[in-house]
Protein backbone atom coordinates (compact mmCIF):
# COMPACT_ATOMS: atom_id res chain seq x y z
CA UNK A 1 142.56 50.89 -11.08
CA UNK A 2 143.76 49.89 -14.53
CA UNK A 3 144.82 46.42 -15.66
CA UNK A 4 148.41 47.64 -15.87
CA UNK A 5 148.35 48.72 -12.23
CA UNK A 6 146.68 45.49 -11.08
CA UNK A 7 149.21 43.25 -12.80
CA UNK A 8 152.07 45.43 -11.58
CA UNK A 9 150.91 44.84 -7.99
CA UNK A 10 150.61 41.09 -8.64
CA UNK A 11 154.20 40.95 -9.87
CA UNK A 12 155.44 43.05 -6.95
CA UNK A 13 153.73 40.82 -4.39
CA UNK A 14 154.99 37.69 -6.15
CA UNK A 15 158.58 38.66 -5.43
CA UNK A 16 161.24 36.90 -7.44
CA UNK A 17 159.61 34.84 -10.18
CA UNK A 18 160.96 33.39 -13.38
CA UNK A 19 160.57 34.92 -16.83
CA UNK A 20 158.28 32.04 -17.80
CA UNK A 21 156.09 32.67 -14.76
CA UNK A 22 156.01 36.36 -15.63
CA UNK A 23 154.68 35.45 -19.06
CA UNK A 24 151.84 33.48 -17.44
CA UNK A 25 150.80 36.53 -15.43
CA UNK A 26 150.35 38.57 -18.61
CA UNK A 27 148.67 35.69 -20.41
CA UNK A 28 146.03 35.74 -17.69
CA UNK A 29 145.16 39.34 -18.58
CA UNK A 30 143.43 37.89 -21.66
CA UNK A 31 139.88 37.16 -20.52
CA UNK A 32 136.62 35.98 -22.02
CA UNK A 33 134.83 38.96 -20.48
CA UNK A 34 137.15 41.49 -22.14
CA UNK A 35 136.83 39.77 -25.50
CA UNK A 36 133.06 39.81 -25.15
CA UNK A 37 133.09 43.51 -24.26
CA UNK A 38 135.05 44.38 -27.40
CA UNK A 39 133.15 42.03 -29.69
CA UNK A 40 129.75 43.25 -28.50
CA UNK A 41 130.73 46.67 -29.84
CA UNK A 42 132.59 45.66 -33.01
CA UNK A 43 129.95 43.14 -34.14
CA UNK A 44 126.95 45.31 -33.23
CA UNK A 45 124.35 46.58 -35.69
CA UNK A 46 125.85 50.06 -35.20
CA UNK A 47 128.86 48.95 -37.25
CA UNK A 48 126.57 48.03 -40.19
CA UNK A 49 128.44 44.87 -41.11
CA UNK A 50 131.81 46.67 -41.52
CA UNK A 51 131.81 46.55 -45.33
CA UNK A 52 135.08 47.87 -46.75
CA UNK A 53 134.96 51.66 -46.96
CA UNK A 54 131.58 51.95 -45.23
CA UNK A 55 130.75 54.30 -42.37
CA UNK A 56 130.37 51.27 -40.11
CA UNK A 57 133.88 50.12 -40.91
CA UNK A 58 135.21 53.62 -40.25
CA UNK A 59 133.52 53.61 -36.82
CA UNK A 60 135.16 50.26 -36.12
CA UNK A 61 138.52 51.72 -37.13
CA UNK A 62 138.02 54.59 -34.68
CA UNK A 63 137.34 52.10 -31.89
CA UNK A 64 140.49 50.11 -32.71
CA UNK A 65 142.78 53.14 -33.03
CA UNK A 66 141.42 54.61 -29.79
CA UNK A 67 142.22 51.34 -28.01
CA UNK A 68 145.77 51.36 -29.41
CA UNK A 69 146.21 54.96 -28.26
CA UNK A 70 144.91 54.22 -24.76
CA UNK A 71 147.38 51.34 -24.46
CA UNK A 72 150.26 53.62 -25.38
CA UNK A 73 151.09 51.91 -28.66
CA UNK A 74 152.94 54.17 -31.07
CA UNK A 75 151.39 55.45 -34.30
CA UNK A 76 153.79 54.40 -37.03
CA UNK A 77 152.35 55.53 -40.37
CA UNK A 78 154.08 58.73 -41.46
CA UNK A 79 151.89 61.23 -43.28
CA UNK A 80 152.95 63.79 -45.87
CA UNK A 81 153.15 66.52 -43.23
CA UNK A 82 155.48 64.46 -41.05
CA UNK A 83 152.91 63.48 -38.42
CA UNK A 84 152.40 59.85 -37.41
CA UNK A 85 149.08 58.03 -37.46
CA UNK A 86 147.53 54.67 -36.63
CA UNK A 87 145.88 54.76 -40.08
CA UNK A 88 147.44 53.50 -43.28
CA UNK A 89 145.01 55.21 -45.64
CA UNK A 90 144.67 54.16 -49.27
CA UNK A 91 142.12 53.93 -52.05
CA UNK A 92 140.41 50.98 -53.64
CA UNK A 93 138.46 51.00 -56.88
CA UNK A 94 135.04 49.43 -56.81
CA UNK A 95 133.61 48.16 -60.07
CA UNK A 96 129.89 48.08 -60.71
CA UNK A 97 127.20 48.57 -63.29
CA UNK A 98 126.51 52.24 -63.98
CA UNK A 99 123.77 51.89 -66.57
CA UNK A 100 122.22 48.60 -67.59
CA UNK A 101 118.99 47.77 -69.40
CA UNK A 102 117.39 45.88 -72.26
CA UNK A 103 114.96 47.87 -74.42
CA UNK A 104 112.19 45.91 -76.12
CA UNK A 105 110.26 48.14 -78.54
CA UNK A 106 111.53 51.12 -76.48
CA UNK A 107 110.26 49.64 -73.20
CA UNK A 108 113.10 49.20 -70.70
CA UNK A 109 113.47 45.95 -68.81
CA UNK A 110 114.97 46.39 -65.34
CA UNK A 111 118.39 44.96 -64.49
CA UNK A 112 118.30 42.51 -61.56
CA UNK A 113 114.51 42.43 -61.74
CA UNK A 114 113.49 41.22 -65.19
CA UNK A 115 116.89 39.68 -65.90
CA UNK A 116 120.38 39.25 -64.48
CA UNK A 117 123.86 38.67 -65.92
CA UNK A 118 125.95 35.52 -65.80
CA UNK A 119 129.41 36.74 -64.82
CA UNK A 120 130.76 40.20 -65.58
CA UNK A 121 129.06 41.66 -68.64
CA UNK A 122 130.27 44.97 -70.05
CA UNK A 123 128.43 46.60 -72.97
CA UNK A 124 129.40 50.28 -72.59
CA UNK A 125 127.38 51.55 -75.55
CA UNK A 126 123.77 50.72 -76.41
CA UNK A 127 123.68 48.01 -79.07
CA UNK A 128 120.83 46.99 -81.33
CA UNK A 129 120.74 43.21 -81.51
CA UNK A 130 119.08 40.65 -83.73
CA UNK A 131 117.61 37.69 -81.88
CA UNK A 132 117.12 34.07 -82.83
CA UNK A 133 115.12 31.57 -80.77
CA UNK A 134 116.63 28.07 -80.68
CA UNK A 135 114.19 26.16 -78.47
CA UNK A 136 116.15 24.45 -75.71
CA UNK A 137 119.51 25.33 -77.26
CA UNK A 138 120.59 21.68 -77.43
CA UNK A 139 122.88 20.05 -79.94
CA UNK A 140 123.29 16.31 -79.46
CA UNK A 141 123.18 13.03 -81.34
CA UNK A 142 119.37 12.90 -81.21
CA UNK A 143 118.45 16.59 -81.16
CA UNK A 144 119.85 19.69 -82.87
CA UNK A 145 118.04 22.93 -82.08
CA UNK A 146 120.57 24.81 -84.21
CA UNK A 147 119.87 22.89 -87.41
CA UNK A 148 119.55 25.23 -90.43
CA UNK A 149 119.85 28.30 -88.19
CA UNK A 150 122.39 31.04 -88.91
CA UNK A 151 123.79 32.40 -85.69
CA UNK A 152 126.42 34.86 -87.03
CA UNK A 153 126.74 37.08 -83.94
CA UNK A 154 123.01 37.14 -83.18
CA UNK A 155 121.49 37.07 -79.71
CA UNK A 156 120.58 33.44 -79.06
CA UNK A 157 117.52 32.82 -76.89
CA UNK A 158 116.83 29.37 -75.43
CA UNK A 159 114.85 27.66 -72.70
CA UNK A 160 116.39 26.35 -69.50
CA UNK A 161 116.56 22.56 -69.12
CA UNK A 162 115.48 19.94 -71.66
CA UNK A 163 112.28 18.47 -73.16
CA UNK A 164 110.52 15.91 -70.94
CA UNK A 165 110.81 13.09 -73.47
CA UNK A 166 114.48 13.57 -74.28
CA UNK A 167 117.04 10.82 -73.68
CA UNK A 168 119.92 11.81 -71.38
CA UNK A 169 118.05 15.01 -70.55
CA UNK A 170 120.03 15.32 -67.30
CA UNK A 171 123.11 16.39 -69.31
CA UNK A 172 121.31 19.61 -70.20
CA UNK A 173 119.62 20.34 -66.86
CA UNK A 174 120.65 22.22 -63.75
CA UNK A 175 123.54 24.66 -63.50
CA UNK A 176 125.91 22.29 -65.30
CA UNK A 177 123.44 21.96 -68.17
CA UNK A 178 123.04 25.73 -68.40
CA UNK A 179 126.81 26.23 -68.56
CA UNK A 180 127.03 23.58 -71.26
CA UNK A 181 124.36 25.29 -73.36
CA UNK A 182 125.87 28.74 -72.86
CA UNK A 183 129.29 27.44 -73.93
CA UNK A 184 127.76 25.75 -76.97
CA UNK A 185 125.98 28.93 -78.06
CA UNK A 186 129.22 30.92 -77.76
CA UNK A 187 131.15 28.31 -79.76
CA UNK A 188 128.52 28.44 -82.50
CA UNK A 189 129.01 32.20 -82.85
CA UNK A 190 126.39 33.79 -80.58
CA UNK A 191 127.09 37.46 -79.92
CA UNK A 192 124.74 37.50 -76.92
CA UNK A 193 123.03 34.74 -74.96
CA UNK A 194 119.66 34.88 -73.19
CA UNK A 195 118.56 31.83 -71.20
CA UNK A 196 114.89 31.72 -70.19
CA UNK A 197 114.53 30.71 -66.55
CA UNK A 198 112.00 28.05 -65.52
CA UNK A 199 111.45 29.91 -62.25
CA UNK A 200 108.04 31.33 -61.46
CA UNK A 201 107.70 35.01 -60.56
CA UNK A 202 108.53 34.87 -56.81
CA UNK A 203 111.31 32.36 -57.27
CA UNK A 204 112.82 34.51 -60.02
CA UNK A 205 112.89 37.46 -57.60
CA UNK A 206 114.92 35.32 -55.21
CA UNK A 207 117.32 34.28 -57.98
CA UNK A 208 117.83 37.94 -58.90
CA UNK A 209 118.56 38.91 -55.30
CA UNK A 210 121.03 36.06 -54.87
CA UNK A 211 122.85 36.85 -58.10
CA UNK A 212 123.02 40.56 -57.26
CA UNK A 213 124.46 39.77 -53.83
CA UNK A 214 127.11 37.48 -55.29
CA UNK A 215 128.18 39.92 -57.99
CA UNK A 216 128.06 43.10 -55.92
CA UNK A 217 129.41 42.04 -52.54
CA UNK A 218 132.47 39.94 -53.17
CA UNK A 219 135.76 40.52 -55.00
CA UNK A 220 134.68 43.56 -56.96
CA UNK A 221 137.34 45.93 -55.69
CA UNK A 222 140.90 46.45 -56.85
CA UNK A 223 144.03 48.25 -55.70
CA UNK A 224 144.84 49.31 -59.23
CA UNK A 225 142.45 51.58 -61.11
CA UNK A 226 143.60 50.04 -64.37
CA UNK A 227 142.94 46.52 -63.14
CA UNK A 228 140.88 44.85 -65.84
CA UNK A 229 137.98 42.61 -64.93
CA UNK A 230 137.46 39.27 -66.57
CA UNK A 231 134.55 40.16 -68.84
CA UNK A 232 132.54 37.42 -70.54
CA UNK A 233 133.29 37.23 -74.27
CA UNK A 234 129.67 36.44 -75.15
CA UNK A 235 127.48 38.53 -72.82
CA UNK A 236 125.08 36.12 -71.13
CA UNK A 237 121.86 36.82 -69.25
CA UNK A 238 119.12 34.85 -67.51
CA UNK A 239 115.66 36.28 -68.21
CA UNK A 240 112.15 35.80 -66.86
CA UNK A 241 109.40 34.11 -68.87
CA UNK A 242 107.61 37.45 -69.09
CA UNK A 243 110.66 39.15 -70.60
CA UNK A 244 111.17 36.22 -72.98
CA UNK A 245 107.59 36.55 -74.22
CA UNK A 246 108.15 40.25 -74.93
CA UNK A 247 111.41 39.54 -76.76
CA UNK A 248 109.69 36.93 -78.93
CA UNK A 249 106.63 39.12 -79.57
CA UNK A 250 104.01 36.87 -77.94
CA UNK A 251 101.87 37.11 -74.83
CA UNK A 252 103.18 35.53 -71.66
CA UNK A 253 100.08 33.29 -71.57
CA UNK A 254 100.81 31.91 -75.04
CA UNK A 255 104.48 31.54 -74.24
CA UNK A 256 103.64 29.40 -71.20
CA UNK A 257 101.49 27.23 -73.48
CA UNK A 258 104.45 26.88 -75.84
CA UNK A 259 106.71 25.75 -73.00
CA UNK A 260 104.05 23.17 -72.09
CA UNK A 261 104.35 21.71 -75.61
CA UNK A 262 101.50 23.42 -77.43
CA UNK A 263 101.97 25.06 -80.79
CA UNK A 264 101.63 28.84 -81.04
CA UNK A 265 102.26 31.35 -83.78
CA UNK A 266 105.33 33.56 -83.50
CA UNK A 267 105.09 36.92 -85.31
CA UNK A 268 107.04 37.32 -88.54
CA UNK A 269 107.98 40.94 -87.79
CA UNK A 270 111.14 41.30 -85.77
CA UNK A 271 111.02 42.87 -82.32
CA UNK A 272 113.36 45.83 -81.84
CA UNK A 273 115.78 44.99 -79.04
CA UNK A 274 118.59 47.16 -77.70
CA UNK A 275 120.95 46.31 -74.85
CA UNK A 276 123.40 48.20 -72.64
CA UNK A 277 125.36 47.02 -69.62
CA UNK A 278 127.97 49.64 -68.77
CA UNK A 279 130.57 48.98 -66.08
CA UNK A 280 132.30 51.77 -64.16
CA UNK A 281 134.43 52.42 -61.08
CA UNK A 282 133.95 54.29 -57.82
CA UNK A 283 136.77 55.32 -55.50
CA UNK A 284 136.58 53.74 -52.03
CA UNK A 285 138.62 55.22 -49.16
CA UNK A 286 139.73 52.72 -46.53
CA UNK A 287 142.61 52.02 -44.14
CA UNK A 288 144.64 49.42 -42.31
CA UNK A 289 144.83 50.25 -38.59
CA UNK A 290 148.11 49.55 -36.79
CA UNK A 291 149.83 50.19 -33.48
CA UNK A 292 153.54 49.64 -32.85
CA UNK A 293 155.40 48.46 -29.77
CA UNK A 294 159.15 48.98 -29.95
CA UNK A 295 161.30 46.17 -28.65
CA UNK A 296 164.48 46.41 -26.61
CA UNK A 297 167.79 44.87 -27.70
CA UNK A 298 166.33 43.25 -30.85
CA UNK A 299 163.97 46.05 -31.83
CA UNK A 300 164.92 45.94 -35.53
CA UNK A 301 163.35 42.50 -35.85
CA UNK A 302 159.54 42.65 -35.95
CA UNK A 303 156.70 40.25 -35.17
CA UNK A 304 153.49 41.17 -37.03
CA UNK A 305 150.10 40.13 -35.60
CA UNK A 306 147.11 40.51 -37.93
CA UNK A 307 143.35 40.08 -38.29
CA UNK A 308 140.89 41.68 -40.70
CA UNK A 309 138.31 44.09 -39.35
CA UNK A 310 136.14 44.32 -42.46
CA UNK A 311 133.14 42.10 -43.20
CA UNK A 312 130.48 42.03 -45.93
CA UNK A 313 128.02 44.73 -44.86
CA UNK A 314 124.28 44.77 -45.49
CA UNK A 315 122.36 42.77 -48.10
CA UNK A 316 119.58 43.81 -50.45
CA UNK A 317 116.95 42.92 -47.84
CA UNK A 318 118.54 45.22 -45.27
CA UNK A 319 119.94 42.35 -43.22
CA UNK A 320 123.15 43.25 -41.38
CA UNK A 321 125.98 40.74 -41.54
CA UNK A 322 127.66 41.45 -38.20
CA UNK A 323 130.58 39.06 -38.70
CA UNK A 324 131.14 38.30 -35.02
CA UNK A 325 133.31 35.32 -35.85
CA UNK A 326 134.44 36.54 -39.29
CA UNK A 327 136.53 38.34 -38.31
CA UNK A 328 135.33 40.16 -35.25
CA UNK A 329 136.91 37.35 -33.26
CA UNK A 330 140.34 37.96 -34.79
CA UNK A 331 140.05 41.74 -34.47
CA UNK A 332 139.22 41.58 -30.77
CA UNK A 333 142.02 39.06 -30.27
CA UNK A 334 144.45 41.69 -31.60
CA UNK A 335 143.05 44.21 -29.10
CA UNK A 336 143.57 41.81 -26.19
CA UNK A 337 147.03 40.75 -27.35
CA UNK A 338 148.04 44.40 -27.60
CA UNK A 339 146.82 44.95 -24.06
CA UNK A 340 148.65 41.92 -22.66
CA UNK A 341 151.96 43.01 -24.18
CA UNK A 342 151.34 46.62 -23.08
CA UNK A 343 150.90 45.48 -19.49
CA UNK A 344 154.14 43.52 -19.76
CA UNK A 345 156.00 46.54 -21.11
CA UNK A 346 154.57 48.86 -18.45
CA UNK A 347 155.93 46.47 -15.81
CA UNK A 348 159.40 46.37 -17.30
CA UNK A 349 158.96 43.14 -19.26
CA UNK A 350 158.44 44.46 -22.76
CA UNK A 351 159.37 42.27 -25.73
CA UNK A 352 162.92 42.16 -27.04
CA UNK A 353 161.68 42.32 -30.61
CA UNK A 354 159.23 44.93 -31.81
CA UNK A 355 155.60 43.98 -32.40
CA UNK A 356 153.21 45.44 -34.98
CA UNK A 357 149.54 44.96 -34.08
CA UNK A 358 147.58 45.38 -37.30
CA UNK A 359 143.93 45.07 -38.28
CA UNK A 360 143.66 45.04 -42.05
CA UNK A 361 140.87 46.06 -44.39
CA UNK A 362 139.53 44.55 -47.61
CA UNK A 363 140.10 40.89 -46.79
CA UNK A 364 136.62 40.01 -48.01
CA UNK A 365 137.38 41.77 -51.30
CA UNK A 366 140.45 39.67 -52.06
CA UNK A 367 143.00 40.16 -49.23
CA UNK A 368 143.45 43.72 -50.46
CA UNK A 369 144.49 45.45 -47.21
CA UNK A 370 147.28 43.02 -46.47
CA UNK A 371 148.27 43.06 -50.14
CA UNK A 372 148.55 46.84 -50.03
CA UNK A 373 150.76 46.54 -46.95
CA UNK A 374 153.11 43.86 -48.30
CA UNK A 375 153.20 44.71 -52.00
CA UNK A 376 152.86 48.49 -52.10
CA UNK A 377 153.60 50.15 -48.77
CA UNK A 378 155.14 48.00 -46.02
CA UNK A 379 155.44 50.35 -43.03
CA UNK A 380 157.98 47.93 -41.58
CA UNK A 381 160.43 46.76 -44.26
CA UNK A 382 159.63 43.14 -45.09
CA UNK A 383 163.25 42.12 -44.52
CA UNK A 384 162.83 43.17 -40.87
CA UNK A 385 159.60 41.17 -40.45
CA UNK A 386 160.45 37.77 -38.98
CA UNK A 387 156.96 36.25 -38.72
CA UNK A 388 153.24 36.90 -39.18
CA UNK A 389 150.63 35.37 -36.88
CA UNK A 390 147.21 35.82 -38.48
CA UNK A 391 143.87 35.26 -36.73
CA UNK A 392 140.68 34.72 -38.72
CA UNK A 393 137.53 33.08 -37.29
CA UNK A 394 138.43 31.55 -33.91
CA UNK A 395 135.16 32.00 -32.02
CA UNK A 396 133.03 29.02 -33.12
CA UNK A 397 133.37 25.30 -33.88
CA UNK A 398 132.77 23.33 -37.06
CA UNK A 399 130.81 20.09 -37.51
CA UNK A 400 133.93 17.95 -37.34
CA UNK A 401 134.57 19.05 -33.75
CA UNK A 402 131.06 19.13 -32.30
CA UNK A 403 132.07 16.62 -29.62
CA UNK A 404 135.50 18.15 -28.93
CA UNK A 405 135.73 21.91 -28.62
CA UNK A 406 139.36 21.94 -27.46
CA UNK A 407 140.96 22.29 -30.87
CA UNK A 408 142.23 24.87 -33.30
CA UNK A 409 143.27 24.54 -36.92
CA UNK A 410 146.81 25.70 -37.62
CA UNK A 411 147.72 26.47 -41.20
CA UNK A 412 151.13 27.35 -42.58
CA UNK A 413 153.29 26.83 -39.50
CA UNK A 414 155.70 24.43 -41.25
CA UNK A 415 155.55 25.87 -44.77
CA UNK A 416 158.59 28.14 -44.48
CA UNK A 417 160.16 27.42 -41.10
CA UNK A 418 160.47 24.12 -39.22
CA UNK A 419 161.50 26.15 -36.16
CA UNK A 420 158.25 28.10 -36.19
CA UNK A 421 156.27 24.87 -36.29
CA UNK A 422 158.12 23.51 -33.26
CA UNK A 423 157.80 26.78 -31.34
CA UNK A 424 154.05 26.67 -31.99
CA UNK A 425 153.80 23.06 -30.81
CA UNK A 426 155.77 23.83 -27.63
CA UNK A 427 153.74 26.97 -26.89
CA UNK A 428 150.58 24.89 -27.05
CA UNK A 429 151.96 22.18 -24.73
CA UNK A 430 153.09 24.80 -22.25
CA UNK A 431 149.81 26.69 -22.19
CA UNK A 432 146.33 25.57 -23.28
CA UNK A 433 147.30 22.12 -24.63
CA UNK A 434 144.64 22.08 -27.35
CA UNK A 435 144.39 19.55 -30.15
CA UNK A 436 146.23 21.18 -33.05
CA UNK A 437 144.45 20.13 -36.22
CA UNK A 438 146.54 20.36 -39.41
CA UNK A 439 143.88 19.09 -41.84
CA UNK A 440 143.76 22.36 -43.78
CA UNK A 441 147.56 22.60 -43.88
CA UNK A 442 147.60 19.74 -46.38
CA UNK A 443 148.48 21.12 -49.84
CA UNK A 444 145.86 18.82 -51.38
CA UNK A 445 143.06 20.26 -49.22
CA UNK A 446 140.36 21.41 -51.68
CA UNK A 447 139.42 24.42 -49.50
CA UNK A 448 142.86 25.99 -50.05
CA UNK A 449 142.56 28.02 -46.85
CA UNK A 450 146.31 28.67 -46.88
CA UNK A 451 145.69 31.07 -49.76
CA UNK A 452 142.48 32.61 -48.39
CA UNK A 453 143.43 34.87 -45.50
CA UNK A 454 145.84 37.73 -44.97
CA UNK A 455 148.84 35.69 -43.84
CA UNK A 456 149.29 34.55 -47.44
CA UNK A 457 150.50 37.98 -48.55
CA UNK A 458 153.33 37.63 -46.02
CA UNK A 459 154.02 33.99 -46.90
CA UNK A 460 154.38 34.73 -50.60
CA UNK A 461 157.18 37.11 -49.55
CA UNK A 462 158.97 34.26 -47.72
CA UNK A 463 157.91 35.46 -44.27
CA UNK A 464 156.96 32.50 -42.00
CA UNK A 465 153.30 32.49 -40.95
CA UNK A 466 150.72 30.78 -38.78
CA UNK A 467 147.02 31.08 -39.53
CA UNK A 468 144.73 30.39 -36.51
CA UNK A 469 141.25 29.19 -37.50
CA UNK A 470 138.41 27.10 -36.05
CA UNK A 471 136.63 26.28 -39.30
CA UNK A 472 133.55 27.20 -41.27
CA UNK A 473 130.08 26.97 -39.72
CA UNK A 474 126.48 27.38 -40.87
CA UNK A 475 126.56 31.18 -40.36
CA UNK A 476 129.63 31.82 -42.51
CA UNK A 477 128.89 34.96 -44.57
CA UNK A 478 125.31 34.96 -43.33
CA UNK A 479 123.33 37.33 -41.08
CA UNK A 480 123.42 34.78 -38.23
CA UNK A 481 127.12 35.30 -37.41
CA UNK A 482 126.34 37.08 -34.14
CA UNK A 483 127.98 37.57 -30.74
CA UNK A 484 125.63 35.26 -28.83
CA UNK A 485 126.96 32.26 -30.77
CA UNK A 486 130.61 32.85 -29.81
CA UNK A 487 132.19 30.32 -27.42
CA UNK A 488 134.10 32.83 -25.32
CA UNK A 489 135.99 30.44 -23.03
CA UNK A 490 137.37 28.49 -25.97
CA UNK A 491 137.99 31.72 -27.86
CA UNK A 492 140.00 33.26 -25.02
CA UNK A 493 142.14 30.13 -24.77
CA UNK A 494 143.09 30.36 -28.44
CA UNK A 495 144.08 34.00 -27.94
CA UNK A 496 146.28 32.83 -25.06
CA UNK A 497 147.92 30.33 -27.39
CA UNK A 498 148.69 33.13 -29.86
CA UNK A 499 150.08 35.21 -26.99
CA UNK A 500 152.37 32.39 -25.84
CA UNK A 501 153.62 31.85 -29.37
CA UNK A 502 154.18 35.57 -29.94
CA UNK A 503 155.91 35.88 -26.54
CA UNK A 504 158.43 33.19 -27.45
CA UNK A 505 159.00 34.59 -30.95
CA UNK A 506 159.54 38.12 -29.66
CA UNK A 507 161.85 37.15 -26.77
CA UNK A 508 163.97 34.17 -27.89
CA UNK A 509 167.68 34.72 -28.51
CA UNK A 510 167.73 33.85 -32.21
CA UNK A 511 165.13 34.75 -34.80
CA UNK A 512 163.51 31.83 -36.57
CA UNK A 513 165.20 30.50 -39.68
CA UNK A 514 163.49 30.20 -43.07
CA UNK A 515 164.51 26.67 -44.04
CA UNK A 516 161.62 25.33 -46.09
CA UNK A 517 159.39 26.14 -49.03
CA UNK A 518 156.46 23.75 -48.83
CA UNK A 519 153.38 24.22 -51.03
């Protein structure tokens, strides 16, 4: 017997009950066990971390669309041949390095092994460069490593950090010190910058892996093929001691002695150095997945429920980032919400307004799936969309709430509509009665979460939004974000809160009014 049949029998046996009581029956169809069943599949290793455009993400999309079909939701995306689909297919353009190396006397140094870039470096054609070594690359009141040196577009090479006996050495140490030295070199006319890392061999391997992960995994996709990346004006690299020794024409052993303060002879003949760091683009096929439930007497007004089903994939070590909380929790919430409303509709209590259940792609790459929907191809005209409820990371707790799990952060509820805020408050009081934490709704919050999930693409179009969130934890964007760490009872209660809010928004007599424009 299906859930629809079971809840139909419950309503029949209950006799004459109020509309509010009816809502409670459907709310109770949202269970921790069902959420766990869905999440165990979506956040499994089989889905390979759901990186945008990956085979694992496509498998996840098939699971979601199959669920929508089984519930009887309508496909709403019209294809060129006139058929309708659950898939809003589109292309992204992934930038990356196609060919990158440094040649020292015709011996190639390996990108992300012997050296790595600082920021986006694009040198499409091989360039021969002239180098100049400037010690620690410091220019201060008491020390000037650039004295009597002509930079004139040369490749400046300098050591990380500062000499041991230097006053105020801390100004030139650490990441802040490196940035200061790199900026100084650029201002003095350096065409290229090479900073010699203090890291020993194994530590330098780790630095390379971390830098590669940062530069390759996040925010390197675009909707527009012509989108230009912010390329560094003075290409900057961090290099190993071994590579530095080769560039300067000395043995690594002697170079280590030099770093330790001993004098060594540098060769007078110049080392031939050539560099290339070519950027290119690959086409990535991906899709938003959506199912539509038509309303009754107010069907031309639409409530949009969203979560992102992509995550960050697999790292260089082969570790899978399953993203159970981010945002497997939101994705499975959409599946359960769709089922609850489908049961209601099957029993003659479908929503007055239409509902679009949508799992979007490319959130981890810069909110690209929701941006494609709102800015390029809104399947539902934005003027018909009355609200967006967005769910992103609702399965865990943060440090602030370790002693009180009965909370949820709400972001954006009062930004555009005071009515929406009050409806949300009332829905909470009449259902799970959680502590509603508005810390991240403060415009001065340094995390700026209001701008960091898919609801923002609706909000910027003056569509009222609520973002449901339980905060960042120690496994955020790490391999440890797994199903066994999800708090399913708490999680299911938050999904019930979203259901109650969506129920009121889709069934009330008047649509909510946009009466505010808070930052």
